[in-house]
């Protein structure tokens, strides 16, 4: 009887799907910032919210506020997480920017 229970356990472990897989495609850009043009586009994520070039902005308004600063649709936007911001918040901001048509992001380290 215990063999049957173990077989059922193994079957359901292999057959179960525990969550939907999702991925964010990233590519390494290196340290070369020579392709950066136009106005500054620095988005900072903090536990208290987002800032765009030092001015507070909501996540919903972020893509609209970035649009006038973009010389081309594929212009680089620098994204920096600071002061204990959560990884899920960073992923949410990336997804919001992608939904707003912004495709080129650079993730920068926060200075200590």
PDB file of N, CA and C in Angstrom:
ATOM      1  N   UNK A   1       0.811  -1.193   0.000  1.00  0.00           N
ATOM      2  CA  UNK A   1       0.000   0.000   0.000  1.00  0.00           C
ATOM      3  C   UNK A   1       0.861   1.266   0.000  1.00  0.00           C
ATOM      4  N   UNK A   2       1.947   1.250   0.742  1.00  0.00           N
ATOM      5  CA  UNK A   2       2.819   2.428   0.786  1.00  0.00           C
ATOM      6  C   UNK A   2       3.468   2.685  -0.567  1.00  0.00           C
ATOM      7  N   UNK A   3       3.705   1.611  -1.338  1.00  0.00           N
ATOM      8  CA  UNK A   3       4.267   1.780  -2.679  1.00  0.00           C
ATOM      9  C   UNK A   3       3.309   2.548  -3.584  1.00  0.00           C
ATOM     10  N   UNK A   4       2.036   2.245  -3.461  1.00  0.00           N
ATOM     11  CA  UNK A   4       1.045   2.932  -4.280  1.00  0.00           C
ATOM     12  C   UNK A   4       0.990   4.413  -3.919  1.00  0.00           C
ATOM     13  N   UNK A   5       1.067   4.718  -2.640  1.00  0.00           N
ATOM     14  CA  UNK A   5       1.048   6.107  -2.193  1.00  0.00           C
ATOM     15  C   UNK A   5       2.270   6.848  -2.728  1.00  0.00           C
ATOM     16  N   UNK A   6       3.438   6.232  -2.668  1.00  0.00           N
ATOM     17  CA  UNK A   6       4.646   6.874  -3.182  1.00  0.00           C
ATOM     18  C   UNK A   6       4.575   7.060  -4.700  1.00  0.00           C
ATOM     19  N   UNK A   7       4.024   6.074  -5.411  1.00  0.00           N
ATOM     20  CA  UNK A   7       3.873   6.203  -6.855  1.00  0.00           C
ATOM     21  C   UNK A   7       2.923   7.347  -7.203  1.00  0.00           C
ATOM     22  N   UNK A   8       1.820   7.456  -6.467  1.00  0.00           N
ATOM     23  CA  UNK A   8       0.892   8.561  -6.698  1.00  0.00           C
ATOM     24  C   UNK A   8       1.535   9.909  -6.378  1.00  0.00           C
ATOM     25  N   UNK A   9       2.308   9.942  -5.327  1.00  0.00           N
ATOM     26  CA  UNK A   9       3.003  11.168  -4.952  1.00  0.00           C
ATOM     27  C   UNK A   9       3.976  11.602  -6.050  1.00  0.00           C
ATOM     28  N   UNK A  10       4.760  10.661  -6.557  1.00  0.00           N
ATOM     29  CA  UNK A  10       5.702  10.964  -7.627  1.00  0.00           C
ATOM     30  C   UNK A  10       4.956  11.393  -8.886  1.00  0.00           C
ATOM     31  N   UNK A  11       3.876  10.710  -9.220  1.00  0.00           N
ATOM     32  CA  UNK A  11       3.093  11.071 -10.405  1.00  0.00           C
ATOM     33  C   UNK A  11       2.583  12.504 -10.320  1.00  0.00           C
ATOM     34  N   UNK A  12       1.976  12.862  -9.185  1.00  0.00           N
ATOM     35  CA  UNK A  12       1.429  14.204  -9.065  1.00  0.00           C
ATOM     36  C   UNK A  12       2.517  15.269  -8.972  1.00  0.00           C
ATOM     37  N   UNK A  13       3.656  14.936  -8.415  1.00  0.00           N
ATOM     38  CA  UNK A  13       4.761  15.892  -8.383  1.00  0.00           C
ATOM     39  C   UNK A  13       5.267  16.176  -9.792  1.00  0.00           C
ATOM     40  N   UNK A  14       5.333  15.164 -10.624  1.00  0.00           N
ATOM     41  CA  UNK A  14       5.820  15.353 -11.989  1.00  0.00           C
ATOM     42  C   UNK A  14       4.761  15.973 -12.899  1.00  0.00           C
ATOM     43  N   UNK A  15       3.500  15.695 -12.639  1.00  0.00           N
ATOM     44  CA  UNK A  15       2.434  16.169 -13.518  1.00  0.00           C
ATOM     45  C   UNK A  15       1.908  17.546 -13.126  1.00  0.00           C
ATOM     46  N   UNK A  16       2.143  17.966 -11.904  1.00  0.00           N
ATOM     47  CA  UNK A  16       1.586  19.232 -11.424  1.00  0.00           C
ATOM     48  C   UNK A  16       2.337  20.420 -12.021  1.00  0.00           C
ATOM     49  N   UNK A  17       1.612  21.465 -12.267  1.00  0.00           N
ATOM     50  CA  UNK A  17       2.212  22.722 -12.708  1.00  0.00           C
ATOM     51  C   UNK A  17       1.983  23.708 -11.574  1.00  0.00           C
ATOM     52  N   UNK A  18       3.060  24.191 -10.988  1.00  0.00           N
ATOM     53  CA  UNK A  18       2.955  24.988  -9.775  1.00  0.00           C
ATOM     54  C   UNK A  18       2.775  26.471 -10.024  1.00  0.00           C
ATOM     55  N   UNK A  19       2.902  26.921 -11.231  1.00  0.00           N
ATOM     56  CA  UNK A  19       2.732  28.340 -11.533  1.00  0.00           C
ATOM     57  C   UNK A  19       3.070  28.611 -12.978  1.00  0.00           C
ATOM     58  N   UNK A  20       2.567  29.693 -13.451  1.00  0.00           N
ATOM     59  CA  UNK A  20       2.851  30.061 -14.835  1.00  0.00           C
ATOM     60  C   UNK A  20       4.270  30.613 -14.927  1.00  0.00           C
ATOM     61  N   UNK A  21       4.997  30.128 -15.893  1.00  0.00           N
ATOM     62  CA  UNK A  21       6.353  30.616 -16.104  1.00  0.00           C
ATOM     63  C   UNK A  21       6.306  31.906 -16.903  1.00  0.00           C
ATOM     64  N   UNK A  22       7.072  32.867 -16.477  1.00  0.00           N
ATOM     65  CA  UNK A  22       7.192  34.100 -17.243  1.00  0.00           C
ATOM     66  C   UNK A  22       8.648  34.538 -17.174  1.00  0.00           C
ATOM     67  N   UNK A  23       9.067  35.244 -18.196  1.00  0.00           N
ATOM     68  CA  UNK A  23      10.457  35.663 -18.252  1.00  0.00           C
ATOM     69  C   UNK A  23      10.545  37.059 -18.848  1.00  0.00           C
ATOM     70  N   UNK A  24      11.564  37.761 -18.445  1.00  0.00           N
ATOM     71  CA  UNK A  24      11.875  39.055 -19.025  1.00  0.00           C
ATOM     72  C   UNK A  24      13.170  38.869 -19.789  1.00  0.00           C
ATOM     73  N   UNK A  25      13.139  39.148 -21.074  1.00  0.00           N
ATOM     74  CA  UNK A  25      14.348  38.962 -21.864  1.00  0.00           C
ATOM     75  C   UNK A  25      15.303  40.131 -21.621  1.00  0.00           C
ATOM     76  N   UNK A  26      16.527  39.807 -21.302  1.00  0.00           N
ATOM     77  CA  UNK A  26      17.561  40.794 -21.051  1.00  0.00           C
ATOM     78  C   UNK A  26      18.762  40.478 -21.916  1.00  0.00           C
ATOM     79  N   UNK A  27      19.485  41.505 -22.297  1.00  0.00           N
ATOM     80  CA  UNK A  27      20.732  41.282 -23.004  1.00  0.00           C
ATOM     81  C   UNK A  27      21.790  42.187 -22.396  1.00  0.00           C
ATOM     82  N   UNK A  28      23.004  41.706 -22.383  1.00  0.00           N
ATOM     83  CA  UNK A  28      24.101  42.467 -21.793  1.00  0.00           C
ATOM     84  C   UNK A  28      24.467  43.620 -22.717  1.00  0.00           C
ATOM     85  N   UNK A  29      24.592  44.817 -22.154  1.00  0.00           N
ATOM     86  CA  UNK A  29      24.933  45.989 -22.949  1.00  0.00           C
ATOM     87  C   UNK A  29      26.361  46.447 -22.682  1.00  0.00           C
ATOM     88  N   UNK A  30      27.006  45.900 -21.688  1.00  0.00           N
ATOM     89  CA  UNK A  30      28.363  46.328 -21.372  1.00  0.00           C
ATOM     90  C   UNK A  30      28.375  47.648 -20.637  1.00  0.00           C
ATOM     91  N   UNK A  31      29.544  48.235 -20.526  1.00  0.00           N
ATOM     92  CA  UNK A  31      29.694  49.493 -19.802  1.00  0.00           C
ATOM     93  C   UNK A  31      29.768  50.697 -20.731  1.00  0.00           C
ATOM     94  N   UNK A  32      29.589  50.511 -22.014  1.00  0.00           N
ATOM     95  CA  UNK A  32      29.711  51.586 -22.976  1.00  0.00           C
ATOM     96  C   UNK A  32      28.416  52.373 -23.057  1.00  0.00           C
ATOM     97  N   UNK A  33      28.460  53.647 -22.680  1.00  0.00           N
ATOM     98  CA  UNK A  33      27.276  54.495 -22.729  1.00  0.00           C
ATOM     99  C   UNK A  33      27.353  55.490 -23.882  1.00  0.00           C
ATOM    100  N   UNK A  34      28.147  55.197 -24.900  1.00  0.00           N
ATOM    101  CA  UNK A  34      28.322  56.140 -25.996  1.00  0.00           C
ATOM    102  C   UNK A  34      27.069  56.280 -26.836  1.00  0.00           C
ATOM    103  N   UNK A  35      26.132  55.322 -26.768  1.00  0.00           N
ATOM    104  CA  UNK A  35      24.911  55.397 -27.547  1.00  0.00           C
ATOM    105  C   UNK A  35      23.829  56.234 -26.892  1.00  0.00           C
ATOM    106  N   UNK A  36      24.096  56.813 -25.736  1.00  0.00           N
ATOM    107  CA  UNK A  36      23.088  57.592 -25.015  1.00  0.00           C
ATOM    108  C   UNK A  36      22.961  58.964 -25.652  1.00  0.00           C
ATOM    109  N   UNK A  37      21.731  59.359 -25.997  1.00  0.00           N
ATOM    110  CA  UNK A  37      21.475  60.664 -26.609  1.00  0.00           C
ATOM    111  C   UNK A  37      20.275  61.310 -25.946  1.00  0.00           C
ATOM    112  N   UNK A  38      20.216  62.623 -26.055  1.00  0.00           N
ATOM    113  CA  UNK A  38      19.035  63.348 -25.616  1.00  0.00           C
ATOM    114  C   UNK A  38      19.017  63.665 -24.139  1.00  0.00           C
ATOM    115  N   UNK A  39      17.828  64.004 -23.673  1.00  0.00           N
ATOM    116  CA  UNK A  39      17.628  64.405 -22.280  1.00  0.00           C
ATOM    117  C   UNK A  39      17.866  63.232 -21.339  1.00  0.00           C
ATOM    118  N   UNK A  40      18.205  63.514 -20.074  1.00  0.00           N
ATOM    119  CA  UNK A  40      18.383  62.426 -19.106  1.00  0.00           C
ATOM    120  C   UNK A  40      17.075  61.669 -18.898  1.00  0.00           C
ATOM    121  N   UNK A  41      17.203  60.365 -18.765  1.00  0.00           N
ATOM    122  CA  UNK A  41      16.039  59.502 -18.526  1.00  0.00           C
ATOM    123  C   UNK A  41      16.422  58.502 -17.441  1.00  0.00           C
ATOM    124  N   UNK A  42      16.458  58.970 -16.198  1.00  0.00           N
ATOM    125  CA  UNK A  42      16.835  58.135 -15.065  1.00  0.00           C
ATOM    126  C   UNK A  42      15.592  57.857 -14.227  1.00  0.00           C
ATOM    127  N   UNK A  43      15.211  56.589 -14.156  1.00  0.00           N
ATOM    128  CA  UNK A  43      14.077  56.156 -13.351  1.00  0.00           C
ATOM    129  C   UNK A  43      14.644  55.469 -12.118  1.00  0.00           C
ATOM    130  N   UNK A  44      14.306  55.984 -10.941  1.00  0.00           N
ATOM    131  CA  UNK A  44      14.784  55.385  -9.702  1.00  0.00           C
ATOM    132  C   UNK A  44      13.602  54.787  -8.941  1.00  0.00           C
ATOM    133  N   UNK A  45      13.793  53.571  -8.484  1.00  0.00           N
ATOM    134  CA  UNK A  45      12.783  52.874  -7.698  1.00  0.00           C
ATOM    135  C   UNK A  45      13.243  52.824  -6.254  1.00  0.00           C
ATOM    136  N   UNK A  46      12.404  53.329  -5.381  1.00  0.00           N
ATOM    137  CA  UNK A  46      12.658  53.305  -3.942  1.00  0.00           C
ATOM    138  C   UNK A  46      11.453  52.647  -3.268  1.00  0.00           C
ATOM    139  N   UNK A  47      11.587  52.236  -2.023  1.00  0.00           N
ATOM    140  CA  UNK A  47      10.429  51.644  -1.348  1.00  0.00           C
ATOM    141  C   UNK A  47       9.228  52.593  -1.287  1.00  0.00           C
ATOM    142  N   UNK A  48       9.456  53.904  -1.289  1.00  0.00           N
ATOM    143  CA  UNK A  48       8.372  54.874  -1.215  1.00  0.00           C
ATOM    144  C   UNK A  48       7.757  55.237  -2.550  1.00  0.00           C
ATOM    145  N   UNK A  49       8.339  54.796  -3.653  1.00  0.00           N
ATOM    146  CA  UNK A  49       7.783  55.125  -4.962  1.00  0.00           C
ATOM    147  C   UNK A  49       8.852  55.303  -6.018  1.00  0.00           C
ATOM    148  N   UNK A  50       8.437  55.894  -7.129  1.00  0.00           N
ATOM    149  CA  UNK A  50       9.312  56.090  -8.287  1.00  0.00           C
ATOM    150  C   UNK A  50       9.651  57.554  -8.464  1.00  0.00           C
ATOM    151  N   UNK A  51      10.827  57.808  -9.041  1.00  0.00           N
ATOM    152  CA  UNK A  51      11.173  59.151  -9.470  1.00  0.00           C
ATOM    153  C   UNK A  51      11.696  59.080 -10.891  1.00  0.00           C
ATOM    154  N   UNK A  52      11.402  60.104 -11.663  1.00  0.00           N
ATOM    155  CA  UNK A  52      11.933  60.265 -13.007  1.00  0.00           C
ATOM    156  C   UNK A  52      12.762  61.532 -12.997  1.00  0.00           C
ATOM    157  N   UNK A  53      14.070  61.380 -13.143  1.00  0.00           N
ATOM    158  CA  UNK A  53      15.014  62.506 -13.078  1.00  0.00           C
ATOM    159  C   UNK A  53      14.829  63.306 -11.787  1.00  0.00           C
ATOM    160  N   UNK A  54      14.560  62.603 -10.692  1.00  0.00           N
ATOM    161  CA  UNK A  54      14.427  63.231  -9.381  1.00  0.00           C
ATOM    162  C   UNK A  54      13.046  63.740  -9.034  1.00  0.00           C
ATOM    163  N   UNK A  55      12.086  63.624  -9.944  1.00  0.00           N
ATOM    164  CA  UNK A  55      10.719  64.102  -9.704  1.00  0.00           C
ATOM    165  C   UNK A  55       9.809  62.897  -9.497  1.00  0.00           C
ATOM    166  N   UNK A  56       9.024  62.918  -8.433  1.00  0.00           N
ATOM    167  CA  UNK A  56       8.138  61.794  -8.114  1.00  0.00           C
ATOM    168  C   UNK A  56       7.121  61.580  -9.237  1.00  0.00           C
ATOM    169  N   UNK A  57       6.874  60.312  -9.544  1.00  0.00           N
ATOM    170  CA  UNK A  57       5.934  59.947 -10.594  1.00  0.00           C
ATOM    171  C   UNK A  57       5.295  58.615 -10.210  1.00  0.00           C
ATOM    172  N   UNK A  58       4.048  58.417 -10.634  1.00  0.00           N
ATOM    173  CA  UNK A  58       3.405  57.129 -10.382  1.00  0.00           C
ATOM    174  C   UNK A  58       3.799  56.144 -11.471  1.00  0.00           C
ATOM    175  N   UNK A  59       3.678  54.877 -11.172  1.00  0.00           N
ATOM    176  CA  UNK A  59       4.038  53.844 -12.148  1.00  0.00           C
ATOM    177  C   UNK A  59       3.136  53.924 -13.379  1.00  0.00           C
ATOM    178  N   UNK A  60       1.878  54.257 -13.181  1.00  0.00           N
ATOM    179  CA  UNK A  60       0.942  54.342 -14.296  1.00  0.00           C
ATOM    180  C   UNK A  60       1.285  55.489 -15.245  1.00  0.00           C
ATOM    181  N   UNK A  61       1.840  56.583 -14.718  1.00  0.00           N
ATOM    182  CA  UNK A  61       2.171  57.756 -15.533  1.00  0.00           C
ATOM    183  C   UNK A  61       3.600  57.730 -16.069  1.00  0.00           C
ATOM    184  N   UNK A  62       4.379  56.744 -15.696  1.00  0.00           N
ATOM    185  CA  UNK A  62       5.797  56.740 -16.024  1.00  0.00           C
ATOM    186  C   UNK A  62       6.053  56.760 -17.530  1.00  0.00           C
ATOM    187  N   UNK A  63       5.424  55.890 -18.287  1.00  0.00           N
ATOM    188  CA  UNK A  63       5.668  55.826 -19.735  1.00  0.00           C
ATOM    189  C   UNK A  63       5.243  57.125 -20.413  1.00  0.00           C
ATOM    190  N   UNK A  64       4.137  57.708 -19.980  1.00  0.00           N
ATOM    191  CA  UNK A  64       3.668  58.965 -20.579  1.00  0.00           C
ATOM    192  C   UNK A  64       4.614  60.114 -20.260  1.00  0.00           C
ATOM    193  N   UNK A  65       5.178  60.126 -19.068  1.00  0.00           N
ATOM    194  CA  UNK A  65       6.118  61.193 -18.688  1.00  0.00           C
ATOM    195  C   UNK A  65       7.467  61.018 -19.375  1.00  0.00           C
ATOM    196  N   UNK A  66       7.819  59.783 -19.726  1.00  0.00           N
ATOM    197  CA  UNK A  66       9.074  59.536 -20.434  1.00  0.00           C
ATOM    198  C   UNK A  66       8.982  59.873 -21.920  1.00  0.00           C
ATOM    199  N   UNK A  67       7.801  59.786 -22.501  1.00  0.00           N
ATOM    200  CA  UNK A  67       7.632  59.958 -23.948  1.00  0.00           C
ATOM    201  C   UNK A  67       8.240  61.248 -24.485  1.00  0.00           C
ATOM    202  N   UNK A  68       8.032  62.418 -23.860  1.00  0.00           N
ATOM    203  CA  UNK A  68       8.638  63.629 -24.417  1.00  0.00           C
ATOM    204  C   UNK A  68      10.165  63.668 -24.319  1.00  0.00           C
ATOM    205  N   UNK A  69      10.738  62.844 -23.459  1.00  0.00           N
ATOM    206  CA  UNK A  69      12.190  62.826 -23.281  1.00  0.00           C
ATOM    207  C   UNK A  69      12.905  61.876 -24.246  1.00  0.00           C
ATOM    208  N   UNK A  70      12.139  61.123 -25.006  1.00  0.00           N
ATOM    209  CA  UNK A  70      12.707  60.093 -25.878  1.00  0.00           C
ATOM    210  C   UNK A  70      12.958  60.654 -27.279  1.00  0.00           C
ATOM    211  N   UNK A  71      14.236  60.740 -27.717  1.00  0.00           N
ATOM    212  CA  UNK A  71      14.496  61.209 -29.075  1.00  0.00           C
ATOM    213  C   UNK A  71      14.061  60.195 -30.133  1.00  0.00           C
ATOM    214  N   UNK A  72      14.152  58.914 -29.812  1.00  0.00           N
ATOM    215  CA  UNK A  72      13.687  57.847 -30.693  1.00  0.00           C
ATOM    216  C   UNK A  72      12.957  56.823 -29.837  1.00  0.00           C
ATOM    217  N   UNK A  73      12.074  56.018 -30.418  1.00  0.00           N
ATOM    218  CA  UNK A  73      11.332  55.032 -29.617  1.00  0.00           C
ATOM    219  C   UNK A  73      12.218  54.004 -28.920  1.00  0.00           C
ATOM    220  N   UNK A  74      13.403  53.734 -29.470  1.00  0.00           N
ATOM    221  CA  UNK A  74      14.283  52.744 -28.846  1.00  0.00           C
ATOM    222  C   UNK A  74      15.423  53.391 -28.056  1.00  0.00           C
ATOM    223  N   UNK A  75      15.234  54.638 -27.617  1.00  0.00           N
ATOM    224  CA  UNK A  75      16.259  55.328 -26.826  1.00  0.00           C
ATOM    225  C   UNK A  75      16.426  54.651 -25.466  1.00  0.00           C
ATOM    226  N   UNK A  76      17.615  54.776 -24.923  1.00  0.00           N
ATOM    227  CA  UNK A  76      17.973  54.124 -23.666  1.00  0.00           C
ATOM    228  C   UNK A  76      17.347  54.823 -22.467  1.00  0.00           C
ATOM    229  N   UNK A  77      16.771  54.038 -21.567  1.00  0.00           N
ATOM    230  CA  UNK A  77      16.250  54.520 -20.284  1.00  0.00           C
ATOM    231  C   UNK A  77      17.038  53.807 -19.193  1.00  0.00           C
ATOM    232  N   UNK A  78      17.584  54.578 -18.253  1.00  0.00           N
ATOM    233  CA  UNK A  78      18.372  54.011 -17.160  1.00  0.00           C
ATOM    234  C   UNK A  78      17.452  53.775 -15.969  1.00  0.00           C
ATOM    235  N   UNK A  79      17.478  52.566 -15.457  1.00  0.00           N
ATOM    236  CA  UNK A  79      16.634  52.160 -14.329  1.00  0.00           C
ATOM    237  C   UNK A  79      17.534  51.788 -13.163  1.00  0.00           C
ATOM    238  N   UNK A  80      17.270  52.375 -11.999  1.00  0.00           N
ATOM    239  CA  UNK A  80      18.113  52.114 -10.828  1.00  0.00           C
ATOM    240  C   UNK A  80      17.239  51.872  -9.611  1.00  0.00           C
ATOM    241  N   UNK A  81      17.471  50.753  -8.931  1.00  0.00           N
ATOM    242  CA  UNK A  81      16.770  50.433  -7.680  1.00  0.00           C
ATOM    243  C   UNK A  81      17.625  50.916  -6.519  1.00  0.00           C
ATOM    244  N   UNK A  82      16.993  51.596  -5.555  1.00  0.00           N
ATOM    245  CA  UNK A  82      17.756  52.181  -4.448  1.00  0.00           C
ATOM    246  C   UNK A  82      17.126  51.872  -3.101  1.00  0.00           C
ATOM    247  N   UNK A  83      17.931  51.963  -2.072  1.00  0.00           N
ATOM    248  CA  UNK A  83      17.492  51.947  -0.677  1.00  0.00           C
ATOM    249  C   UNK A  83      16.533  50.819  -0.324  1.00  0.00           C
ATOM    250  N   UNK A  84      16.864  49.605  -0.692  1.00  0.00           N
ATOM    251  CA  UNK A  84      16.054  48.461  -0.291  1.00  0.00           C
ATOM    252  C   UNK A  84      14.806  48.235  -1.103  1.00  0.00           C
ATOM    253  N   UNK A  85      14.773  48.698  -2.334  1.00  0.00           N
ATOM    254  CA  UNK A  85      13.604  48.446  -3.187  1.00  0.00           C
ATOM    255  C   UNK A  85      13.508  46.951  -3.471  1.00  0.00           C
ATOM    256  N   UNK A  86      12.294  46.456  -3.602  1.00  0.00           N
ATOM    257  CA  UNK A  86      12.085  45.028  -3.809  1.00  0.00           C
ATOM    258  C   UNK A  86      12.257  44.657  -5.275  1.00  0.00           C
ATOM    259  N   UNK A  87      12.686  43.436  -5.511  1.00  0.00           N
ATOM    260  CA  UNK A  87      12.894  42.946  -6.865  1.00  0.00           C
ATOM    261  C   UNK A  87      11.568  42.900  -7.625  1.00  0.00           C
ATOM    262  N   UNK A  88      10.488  42.531  -6.958  1.00  0.00           N
ATOM    263  CA  UNK A  88       9.189  42.485  -7.632  1.00  0.00           C
ATOM    264  C   UNK A  88       8.777  43.867  -8.119  1.00  0.00           C
ATOM    265  N   UNK A  89       9.084  44.891  -7.348  1.00  0.00           N
ATOM    266  CA  UNK A  89       8.795  46.255  -7.784  1.00  0.00           C
ATOM    267  C   UNK A  89       9.581  46.623  -9.024  1.00  0.00           C
ATOM    268  N   UNK A  90      10.832  46.180  -9.084  1.00  0.00           N
ATOM    269  CA  UNK A  90      11.668  46.420 -10.259  1.00  0.00           C
ATOM    270  C   UNK A  90      11.095  45.717 -11.489  1.00  0.00           C
ATOM    271  N   UNK A  91      10.666  44.485 -11.310  1.00  0.00           N
ATOM    272  CA  UNK A  91      10.053  43.734 -12.413  1.00  0.00           C
ATOM    273  C   UNK A  91       8.766  44.411 -12.866  1.00  0.00           C
ATOM    274  N   UNK A  92       7.970  44.907 -11.931  1.00  0.00           N
ATOM    275  CA  UNK A  92       6.732  45.606 -12.283  1.00  0.00           C
ATOM    276  C   UNK A  92       7.013  46.865 -13.107  1.00  0.00           C
ATOM    277  N   UNK A  93       8.058  47.611 -12.736  1.00  0.00           N
ATOM    278  CA  UNK A  93       8.420  48.812 -13.486  1.00  0.00           C
ATOM    279  C   UNK A  93       8.894  48.443 -14.890  1.00  0.00           C
ATOM    280  N   UNK A  94       9.694  47.389 -15.007  1.00  0.00           N
ATOM    281  CA  UNK A  94      10.158  46.942 -16.328  1.00  0.00           C
ATOM    282  C   UNK A  94       8.981  46.552 -17.200  1.00  0.00           C
ATOM    283  N   UNK A  95       8.034  45.819 -16.645  1.00  0.00           N
ATOM    284  CA  UNK A  95       6.851  45.415 -17.416  1.00  0.00           C
ATOM    285  C   UNK A  95       5.996  46.621 -17.798  1.00  0.00           C
ATOM    286  N   UNK A  96       5.877  47.605 -16.916  1.00  0.00           N
ATOM    287  CA  UNK A  96       5.129  48.817 -17.229  1.00  0.00           C
ATOM    288  C   UNK A  96       5.786  49.579 -18.372  1.00  0.00           C
ATOM    289  N   UNK A  97       7.111  49.685 -18.330  1.00  0.00           N
ATOM    290  CA  UNK A  97       7.826  50.384 -19.395  1.00  0.00           C
ATOM    291  C   UNK A  97       7.695  49.645 -20.726  1.00  0.00           C
ATOM    292  N   UNK A  98       7.794  48.328 -20.687  1.00  0.00           N
ATOM    293  CA  UNK A  98       7.642  47.553 -21.920  1.00  0.00           C
ATOM    294  C   UNK A  98       6.236  47.703 -22.488  1.00  0.00           C
ATOM    295  N   UNK A  99       5.227  47.723 -21.628  1.00  0.00           N
ATOM    296  CA  UNK A  99       3.850  47.916 -22.087  1.00  0.00           C
ATOM    297  C   UNK A  99       3.660  49.307 -22.682  1.00  0.00           C
ATOM    298  N   UNK A 100       4.453  50.282 -22.222  1.00  0.00           N
ATOM    299  CA  UNK A 100       4.385  51.638 -22.751  1.00  0.00           C
ATOM    300  C   UNK A 100       5.215  51.838 -24.002  1.00  0.00           C
ATOM    301  N   UNK A 101       5.829  50.770 -24.517  1.00  0.00           N
ATOM    302  CA  UNK A 101       6.591  50.857 -25.761  1.00  0.00           C
ATOM    303  C   UNK A 101       8.068  51.146 -25.587  1.00  0.00           C
ATOM    304  N   UNK A 102       8.558  51.178 -24.367  1.00  0.00           N
ATOM    305  CA  UNK A 102       9.976  51.440 -24.118  1.00  0.00           C
ATOM    306  C   UNK A 102      10.698  50.101 -24.061  1.00  0.00           C
ATOM    307  N   UNK A 103      11.623  49.910 -24.991  1.00  0.00           N
ATOM    308  CA  UNK A 103      12.235  48.592 -25.145  1.00  0.00           C
ATOM    309  C   UNK A 103      13.690  48.526 -24.726  1.00  0.00           C
ATOM    310  N   UNK A 104      14.378  49.645 -24.633  1.00  0.00           N
ATOM    311  CA  UNK A 104      15.805  49.629 -24.322  1.00  0.00           C
ATOM    312  C   UNK A 104      16.028  50.163 -22.914  1.00  0.00           C
ATOM    313  N   UNK A 105      16.373  49.262 -22.007  1.00  0.00           N
ATOM    314  CA  UNK A 105      16.590  49.616 -20.604  1.00  0.00           C
ATOM    315  C   UNK A 105      18.000  49.242 -20.183  1.00  0.00           C
ATOM    316  N   UNK A 106      18.574  50.055 -19.325  1.00  0.00           N
ATOM    317  CA  UNK A 106      19.851  49.745 -18.699  1.00  0.00           C
ATOM    318  C   UNK A 106      19.627  49.739 -17.198  1.00  0.00           C
ATOM    319  N   UNK A 107      20.012  48.657 -16.550  1.00  0.00           N
ATOM    320  CA  UNK A 107      19.865  48.544 -15.106  1.00  0.00           C
ATOM    321  C   UNK A 107      21.188  48.987 -14.470  1.00  0.00           C
ATOM    322  N   UNK A 108      21.135  50.053 -13.684  1.00  0.00           N
ATOM    323  CA  UNK A 108      22.339  50.621 -13.088  1.00  0.00           C
ATOM    324  C   UNK A 108      22.402  50.278 -11.613  1.00  0.00           C
ATOM    325  N   UNK A 109      23.619  50.142 -11.115  1.00  0.00           N
ATOM    326  CA  UNK A 109      23.839  49.923  -9.692  1.00  0.00           C
ATOM    327  C   UNK A 109      23.715  51.236  -8.955  1.00  0.00           C
ATOM    328  N   UNK A 110      23.138  51.187  -7.774  1.00  0.00           N
ATOM    329  CA  UNK A 110      23.043  52.385  -6.947  1.00  0.00           C
ATOM    330  C   UNK A 110      24.381  52.613  -6.259  1.00  0.00           C
ATOM    331  N   UNK A 111      24.865  53.846  -6.255  1.00  0.00           N
ATOM    332  CA  UNK A 111      26.148  54.114  -5.568  1.00  0.00           C
ATOM    333  C   UNK A 111      25.971  53.955  -4.064  1.00  0.00           C
ATOM    334  N   UNK A 112      27.041  53.534  -3.431  1.00  0.00           N
ATOM    335  CA  UNK A 112      26.972  53.327  -1.977  1.00  0.00           C
ATOM    336  C   UNK A 112      27.300  54.577  -1.237  1.00  0.00           C
TER     337      UNK A 112
END
